[in-house]
Amino acid sequence: MILGKREIRDNGTDSEIRKKTRLRKLAIWLLIDLIVLVVVFGLLHHKPGRYDPSVFGSGEHKPGQVSTYLTHELLPKIHNEAQLGEPFSMVITQEGINEIVAGLGWPKISDGAMLYAPAVLFVPGGVILMGTASIKGVEFVVTIVLKPKINEQGLLNLHVAKVKVGAMNVTPLARIMAKKMYAQRLATTRIDTEAMQTKIAASLLNEEPFEPVFKVDNRKVRVEEIAIYEENLAARLVPAP
């Protein structure tokens, strides 16, 4: 009988030890989950150092106002050069493109999300698009890195190299969602597949290269080369048949 009581006490002690062990493991996992949550939250709310909305599209230009850089410099140069029927080169400045973007009318609202304070950066070999997205009052800085490239066939692809929310890389997920959105749009909406904006969207969302040919009055020009430097984008254009 004495031995039996001792065994019962020992079993009770073992049960308490196992219970404490389970509680300790649970506490450790809860702590790990909390740390992961804090890290993810911090990454999502990270603000890139180069992103300063007050700098881009600033100056005398007002939101919603047509850019004077577009109407007085860019379009007149393209028009005049295209009429000569000869190859020509042009440079688009980072300051100028941000002035154009600022005049597109912000914020943009889609599916409950609001996008505003856009910024465009030209960096060697690529274009960085940044903006603030607000979803139910929570703000995130979205960064998209584009690597435009003209292939051997002369087709332009606006390759999306990276998509980030805050400091978190969401490129694989963004590509899956983009392809799904593009397929749904094709299935549910009648679109002009020859329109330049459609071709640009197909390249961005579905990696479809397109002929970079556009019409200037009664003439067509083709973008033959693109080179991107710090704060500048250089392009060579040639007459297109």
Protein backbone atom coordinates (compact mmCIF):
# COMPACT_ATOMS: atom_id res chain seq x y z
CA MET A 1 0.00 0.00 0.00
CA ILE A 2 2.80 2.39 0.81
CA LEU A 3 4.38 1.70 -2.55
CA GLY A 4 1.06 2.40 -4.29
CA LYS A 5 0.72 5.82 -2.62
CA ARG A 6 4.27 6.69 -3.59
CA GLU A 7 3.53 5.78 -7.23
CA ILE A 8 0.44 8.02 -7.20
CA ARG A 9 2.48 10.94 -5.83
CA ASP A 10 5.19 10.34 -8.43
CA ASN A 11 2.62 10.21 -11.23
CA GLY A 12 1.14 13.48 -10.03
CA THR A 13 4.58 15.08 -10.01
CA ASP A 14 5.29 13.83 -13.55
CA SER A 15 1.96 15.24 -14.70
CA GLU A 16 2.81 18.64 -13.22
CA ILE A 17 6.24 18.56 -14.87
CA ARG A 18 4.70 17.73 -18.26
CA LYS A 19 2.13 20.49 -17.81
CA LYS A 20 4.81 23.04 -16.96
CA THR A 21 6.86 21.88 -19.96
CA ARG A 22 3.86 22.34 -22.28
CA LEU A 23 3.18 25.80 -20.84
CA ARG A 24 6.85 26.72 -21.26
CA LYS A 25 6.83 25.56 -24.91
CA LEU A 26 3.58 27.44 -25.52
CA ALA A 27 5.05 30.60 -24.03
CA ILE A 28 8.17 30.26 -26.21
CA TRP A 29 6.07 29.83 -29.39
CA LEU A 30 3.85 32.78 -28.45
CA LEU A 31 6.96 34.88 -27.91
CA ILE A 32 8.35 33.78 -31.31
CA ASP A 33 5.02 34.61 -32.99
CA LEU A 34 5.01 38.01 -31.32
CA ILE A 35 8.57 38.74 -32.46
CA VAL A 36 7.72 37.68 -36.04
CA LEU A 37 4.60 39.86 -35.97
CA VAL A 38 6.60 42.87 -34.75
CA VAL A 39 9.28 42.31 -37.43
CA VAL A 40 6.68 41.94 -40.21
CA PHE A 41 4.82 45.01 -38.98
CA GLY A 42 8.08 46.97 -38.93
CA LEU A 43 9.04 45.79 -42.43
CA LEU A 44 5.63 46.69 -43.86
CA HIS A 45 5.73 50.17 -42.33
CA HIS A 46 9.30 50.89 -43.35
CA LYS A 47 9.73 54.11 -45.34
CA PRO A 48 12.51 54.01 -47.98
CA GLY A 49 15.16 56.62 -47.40
CA ARG A 50 14.91 58.00 -50.96
CA TYR A 51 11.15 58.50 -50.72
CA ASP A 52 10.26 62.10 -49.91
CA PRO A 53 6.89 63.10 -51.43
CA SER A 54 7.50 66.78 -50.69
CA VAL A 55 10.38 66.78 -53.21
CA PHE A 56 8.71 65.09 -56.18
CA GLY A 57 6.35 67.20 -58.27
CA SER A 58 6.99 70.19 -56.01
CA GLY A 59 7.51 73.81 -56.95
CA GLU A 60 4.90 75.99 -58.69
CA HIS A 61 3.17 72.99 -60.26
CA LYS A 62 -0.23 72.26 -58.73
CA PRO A 63 -1.80 68.78 -58.51
CA GLY A 64 -4.21 68.23 -61.40
CA GLN A 65 -2.57 70.91 -63.53
CA VAL A 66 -1.15 69.84 -66.90
CA SER A 67 2.64 69.78 -66.78
CA THR A 68 4.40 72.61 -68.61
CA TYR A 69 7.35 70.27 -69.05
CA LEU A 70 5.06 68.02 -71.08
CA THR A 71 3.35 70.75 -73.10
CA HIS A 72 6.26 73.16 -73.59
CA GLU A 73 9.31 70.90 -73.80
CA LEU A 74 8.66 67.19 -74.32
CA LEU A 75 5.79 67.13 -76.82
CA PRO A 76 7.09 70.04 -78.97
CA LYS A 77 10.51 68.38 -79.27
CA ILE A 78 9.01 65.03 -80.28
CA HIS A 79 6.71 66.75 -82.78
CA ASN A 80 9.43 68.88 -84.38
CA GLU A 81 11.97 66.06 -84.60
CA ALA A 82 9.43 63.56 -85.96
CA GLN A 83 8.50 65.89 -88.82
CA LEU A 84 12.10 65.80 -90.08
CA GLY A 85 11.83 62.07 -90.74
CA GLU A 86 15.27 61.34 -89.29
CA PRO A 87 16.53 59.50 -86.18
CA PHE A 88 16.78 61.69 -83.10
CA SER A 89 17.63 61.43 -79.42
CA MET A 90 15.97 62.93 -76.40
CA VAL A 91 16.44 63.00 -72.65
CA ILE A 92 13.66 62.88 -70.08
CA THR A 93 14.61 64.25 -66.68
CA GLN A 94 13.53 62.83 -63.34
CA GLU A 95 12.24 66.24 -62.30
CA GLY A 96 10.23 66.53 -65.50
CA ILE A 97 8.62 63.09 -65.30
CA ASN A 98 7.61 63.73 -61.69
CA GLU A 99 5.96 66.98 -62.75
CA ILE A 100 3.98 65.04 -65.37
CA VAL A 101 2.99 62.33 -62.87
CA ALA A 102 1.96 64.90 -60.26
CA GLY A 103 -0.51 66.37 -62.77
CA LEU A 104 -2.37 63.08 -63.30
CA GLY A 105 -4.75 63.76 -60.44
CA TRP A 106 -4.21 62.16 -57.05
CA PRO A 107 -5.25 60.29 -55.01
CA LYS A 108 -6.30 57.25 -57.04
CA ILE A 109 -8.89 54.97 -55.41
CA SER A 110 -9.50 51.34 -56.36
CA ASP A 111 -11.18 48.48 -54.45
CA GLY A 112 -11.09 50.37 -51.17
CA ALA A 113 -7.39 51.23 -51.44
CA MET A 114 -6.16 54.80 -51.93
CA LEU A 115 -2.83 55.58 -53.62
CA TYR A 116 -1.24 59.00 -53.42
CA ALA A 117 2.05 60.93 -53.14
CA PRO A 118 3.71 59.23 -56.16
CA ALA A 119 7.41 59.51 -56.96
CA VAL A 120 9.52 58.37 -59.90
CA LEU A 121 13.28 57.84 -59.67
CA PHE A 122 15.65 57.17 -62.54
CA VAL A 123 18.55 55.02 -61.41
CA PRO A 124 21.23 53.33 -63.53
CA GLY A 125 19.48 50.63 -65.53
CA GLY A 126 16.02 51.02 -64.03
CA VAL A 127 13.03 53.08 -62.95
CA ILE A 128 11.73 53.11 -59.39
CA LEU A 129 8.07 53.93 -58.80
CA MET A 130 6.99 54.74 -55.26
CA GLY A 131 3.77 55.82 -53.65
CA THR A 132 1.80 55.68 -50.41
CA ALA A 133 -1.10 53.23 -50.23
CA SER A 134 -3.78 53.62 -47.58
CA ILE A 135 -6.01 50.64 -46.78
CA LYS A 136 -8.63 51.22 -44.06
CA GLY A 137 -6.49 54.01 -42.63
CA VAL A 138 -3.27 51.98 -42.52
CA GLU A 139 -0.51 53.44 -44.69
CA PHE A 140 2.24 51.56 -46.54
CA VAL A 141 4.88 52.74 -49.00
CA VAL A 142 4.77 50.63 -52.16
CA THR A 143 7.90 50.39 -54.32
CA ILE A 144 8.03 48.96 -57.86
CA VAL A 145 11.32 48.54 -59.70
CA LEU A 146 11.09 48.42 -63.51
CA LYS A 147 13.84 47.24 -65.86
CA PRO A 148 12.75 48.35 -69.36
CA LYS A 149 14.54 46.42 -72.10
CA ILE A 150 14.35 46.32 -75.89
CA ASN A 151 15.09 42.82 -77.18
CA GLU A 152 16.79 41.70 -80.39
CA GLN A 153 13.46 41.84 -82.25
CA GLY A 154 13.02 45.48 -81.31
CA LEU A 155 10.21 44.76 -78.85
CA LEU A 156 10.02 46.60 -75.55
CA ASN A 157 9.32 44.78 -72.29
CA LEU A 158 8.60 46.74 -69.12
CA HIS A 159 9.94 44.03 -66.81
CA VAL A 160 8.83 44.35 -63.19
CA ALA A 161 11.99 43.33 -61.35
CA LYS A 162 10.81 43.89 -57.78
CA VAL A 163 7.73 44.85 -55.78
CA LYS A 164 8.04 45.85 -52.14
CA VAL A 165 5.61 46.91 -49.43
CA GLY A 166 7.68 48.86 -46.95
CA ALA A 167 10.89 46.82 -46.77
CA MET A 168 9.17 43.49 -47.49
CA ASN A 169 9.75 41.88 -50.88
CA VAL A 170 6.39 40.67 -52.25
CA THR A 171 7.47 40.17 -55.87
CA PRO A 172 6.34 36.51 -56.32
CA LEU A 173 2.91 37.24 -54.82
CA ALA A 174 2.57 40.45 -56.85
CA ARG A 175 3.33 38.59 -60.10
CA ILE A 176 0.69 35.95 -59.37
CA MET A 177 -1.90 38.61 -58.56
CA ALA A 178 -0.98 40.70 -61.61
CA LYS A 179 -1.38 37.77 -64.00
CA LYS A 180 -4.72 36.89 -62.41
CA MET A 181 -5.95 40.48 -62.72
CA TYR A 182 -4.85 40.63 -66.35
CA ALA A 183 -6.62 37.35 -67.20
CA GLN A 184 -9.82 38.51 -65.47
CA ARG A 185 -9.75 41.80 -67.33
CA LEU A 186 -9.38 40.04 -70.68
CA ALA A 187 -12.24 37.70 -69.82
CA THR A 188 -14.69 40.31 -68.58
CA THR A 189 -13.89 43.54 -70.44
CA ARG A 190 -13.75 44.45 -74.11
CA ILE A 191 -10.44 46.20 -74.66
CA ASP A 192 -8.58 47.54 -77.67
CA THR A 193 -5.54 45.28 -77.86
CA GLU A 194 -3.83 47.71 -80.26
CA ALA A 195 -4.08 50.68 -77.93
CA MET A 196 -0.73 51.73 -76.47
CA GLN A 197 -2.07 51.78 -72.89
CA THR A 198 -3.28 48.18 -73.33
CA LYS A 199 0.13 47.07 -74.57
CA ILE A 200 1.84 48.80 -71.67
CA ALA A 201 -0.54 47.14 -69.19
CA ALA A 202 0.07 43.71 -70.80
CA SER A 203 3.81 44.20 -70.50
CA LEU A 204 3.64 45.29 -66.86
CA LEU A 205 1.12 42.68 -65.74
CA ASN A 206 1.90 39.75 -68.01
CA GLU A 207 5.47 40.22 -69.28
CA GLU A 208 4.28 40.69 -72.88
CA PRO A 209 6.76 42.67 -75.03
CA PHE A 210 5.31 45.07 -77.59
CA GLU A 211 6.36 47.23 -80.51
CA PRO A 212 7.32 50.65 -79.08
CA VAL A 213 5.82 52.55 -82.02
CA PHE A 214 3.59 55.58 -81.58
CA LYS A 215 2.07 58.16 -83.88
CA VAL A 216 3.03 61.83 -83.95
CA ASP A 217 0.53 63.67 -86.17
CA ASN A 218 0.88 61.96 -89.55
CA ARG A 219 4.14 60.19 -88.79
CA LYS A 220 5.13 57.15 -86.74
CA VAL A 221 8.28 56.82 -84.67
CA ARG A 222 9.85 53.82 -82.97
CA VAL A 223 11.82 53.78 -79.75
CA GLU A 224 15.01 52.03 -80.85
CA GLU A 225 17.15 52.35 -77.71
CA ILE A 226 16.65 53.18 -74.04
CA ALA A 227 19.35 54.00 -71.50
CA ILE A 228 18.63 54.99 -67.92
CA TYR A 229 21.08 56.93 -65.81
CA GLU A 230 20.93 58.68 -62.45
CA GLU A 231 18.00 61.15 -62.73
CA ASN A 232 17.83 60.89 -66.54
CA LEU A 233 16.33 58.59 -69.18
CA ALA A 234 17.79 58.79 -72.70
CA ALA A 235 16.00 57.38 -75.73
CA ARG A 236 16.79 57.11 -79.43
CA LEU A 237 13.85 57.29 -81.79
CA VAL A 238 13.73 56.47 -85.49
CA PRO A 239 11.07 56.86 -88.22
CA ALA A 240 8.75 53.87 -88.44
CA PRO A 241 7.05 52.74 -91.67
